[in-house]
Amino acid sequence: MTIITSENMFKTEVLGSDIPVVVDFFATWCGPCKMLAPVVEQLGAEYEGKVKFVKLDIDQLAPIALSYGVMSVPTLMLFKAGTPAAQCVGVRPKENIVAELGI
């Protein structure tokens, strides 16, 4: 899974992607984020080639997180054609994530 490390990388990997992208907004100190990580990894493997999954550390790239209204972590946000299309906040079972994001 790709970890977004710069604003330029975000523009390329997320906003410029030809396929939908799910951004996992997380923090290294966040316990629920650590609980959700294996689920996100599993979804990334299951949807490979159809939906791209990336991670973004809100402490390293706070301006991006704030610009999309991320107020708590974990937040998963689906981008389609560079535009936020859906999101879910908090730890959820895999099936709920798929349903809430519409992937």
Protein backbone atom coordinates (compact mmCIF):
# COMPACT_ATOMS: atom_id res chain seq x y z
CA MET A 1 0.00 0.00 0.00
CA THR A 2 1.30 3.41 -0.97
CA ILE A 3 1.95 5.95 1.78
CA ILE A 4 1.45 9.53 0.59
CA THR A 5 4.44 11.60 1.71
CA SER A 6 3.99 14.94 -0.06
CA GLU A 7 1.39 17.24 -1.53
CA ASN A 8 2.71 16.53 -5.03
CA MET A 9 2.42 12.78 -4.44
CA PHE A 10 -1.19 13.29 -3.27
CA LYS A 11 -1.98 15.19 -6.48
CA THR A 12 -0.46 12.44 -8.62
CA GLU A 13 -1.61 9.32 -6.77
CA VAL A 14 -5.07 10.48 -5.69
CA LEU A 15 -6.30 13.48 -7.65
CA GLY A 16 -4.74 12.32 -10.93
CA SER A 17 -5.68 8.64 -10.68
CA ASP A 18 -7.57 6.95 -13.50
CA ILE A 19 -9.30 4.63 -11.04
CA PRO A 20 -11.11 5.40 -7.76
CA VAL A 21 -8.84 5.89 -4.74
CA VAL A 22 -9.55 5.27 -1.06
CA VAL A 23 -7.38 7.43 1.19
CA ASP A 24 -6.85 6.10 4.71
CA PHE A 25 -6.29 9.23 6.81
CA PHE A 26 -4.47 7.94 9.91
CA ALA A 27 -2.03 8.86 12.68
CA THR A 28 0.78 6.72 14.08
CA TRP A 29 -0.45 7.35 17.66
CA CYS A 30 -4.04 6.30 16.85
CA GLY A 31 -5.08 2.93 18.32
CA PRO A 32 -8.23 2.57 16.20
CA CYS A 33 -6.12 3.31 13.09
CA LYS A 34 -3.89 0.37 13.97
CA MET A 35 -6.98 -1.82 14.41
CA LEU A 36 -8.32 -0.79 10.98
CA ALA A 37 -5.01 -1.15 9.10
CA PRO A 38 -5.28 -4.92 8.41
CA VAL A 39 -8.82 -4.45 7.05
CA VAL A 40 -7.64 -1.68 4.71
CA GLU A 41 -4.70 -3.85 3.58
CA GLN A 42 -7.11 -6.72 2.84
CA LEU A 43 -9.45 -4.46 0.86
CA GLY A 44 -6.49 -3.11 -1.09
CA ALA A 45 -5.56 -6.65 -2.11
CA GLU A 46 -9.15 -7.60 -2.98
CA TYR A 47 -9.78 -4.52 -5.13
CA GLU A 48 -6.34 -4.32 -6.74
CA GLY A 49 -6.63 -2.85 -10.22
CA LYS A 50 -10.17 -1.59 -9.58
CA VAL A 51 -9.70 0.71 -6.57
CA LYS A 52 -6.39 2.06 -5.30
CA PHE A 53 -5.85 2.23 -1.52
CA VAL A 54 -3.33 4.70 -0.07
CA LYS A 55 -2.46 5.93 3.43
CA LEU A 56 -1.94 9.53 4.53
CA ASP A 57 -0.51 10.46 7.95
CA ILE A 58 -2.48 13.48 9.15
CA ASP A 59 0.40 14.67 11.32
CA GLN A 60 2.78 14.83 8.34
CA LEU A 61 0.29 16.27 5.84
CA ALA A 62 -2.15 18.17 8.04
CA PRO A 63 -3.01 20.80 5.38
CA ILE A 64 -4.36 18.09 3.06
CA ALA A 65 -6.39 16.44 5.84
CA LEU A 66 -7.81 19.80 6.92
CA SER A 67 -8.67 20.80 3.36
CA TYR A 68 -10.94 17.73 3.13
CA GLY A 69 -12.53 18.27 6.55
CA VAL A 70 -10.91 15.29 8.28
CA MET A 71 -11.68 15.89 11.95
CA SER A 72 -10.92 12.47 13.43
CA VAL A 73 -9.03 9.34 12.52
CA PRO A 74 -9.32 6.84 11.11
CA THR A 75 -11.19 8.35 8.19
CA LEU A 76 -11.49 6.54 4.87
CA MET A 77 -12.37 8.79 1.94
CA LEU A 78 -13.20 7.61 -1.58
CA PHE A 79 -12.04 9.86 -4.43
CA LYS A 80 -13.48 9.49 -7.93
CA ALA A 81 -11.95 11.58 -10.72
CA GLY A 82 -10.11 13.63 -8.09
CA THR A 83 -13.24 14.50 -6.12
CA PRO A 84 -14.34 13.14 -2.72
CA ALA A 85 -17.32 10.85 -3.33
CA ALA A 86 -17.86 9.11 0.03
CA GLN A 87 -16.29 8.65 3.45
CA CYS A 88 -16.55 6.64 6.61
CA VAL A 89 -15.11 7.53 9.99
CA GLY A 90 -14.01 5.13 12.69
CA VAL A 91 -13.37 1.42 12.82
CA ARG A 92 -15.89 -0.57 10.80
CA PRO A 93 -16.18 -4.18 9.62
CA LYS A 94 -15.00 -4.71 6.06
CA GLU A 95 -18.53 -5.19 4.72
CA ASN A 96 -19.65 -1.86 6.22
CA ILE A 97 -16.70 -0.04 4.67
CA VAL A 98 -17.50 -1.47 1.23
CA ALA A 99 -21.16 -0.48 1.59
CA GLU A 100 -20.51 3.01 2.99
CA LEU A 101 -17.92 3.87 0.35
CA GLY A 102 -19.88 2.21 -2.44
CA ILE A 103 -16.95 0.25 -3.81
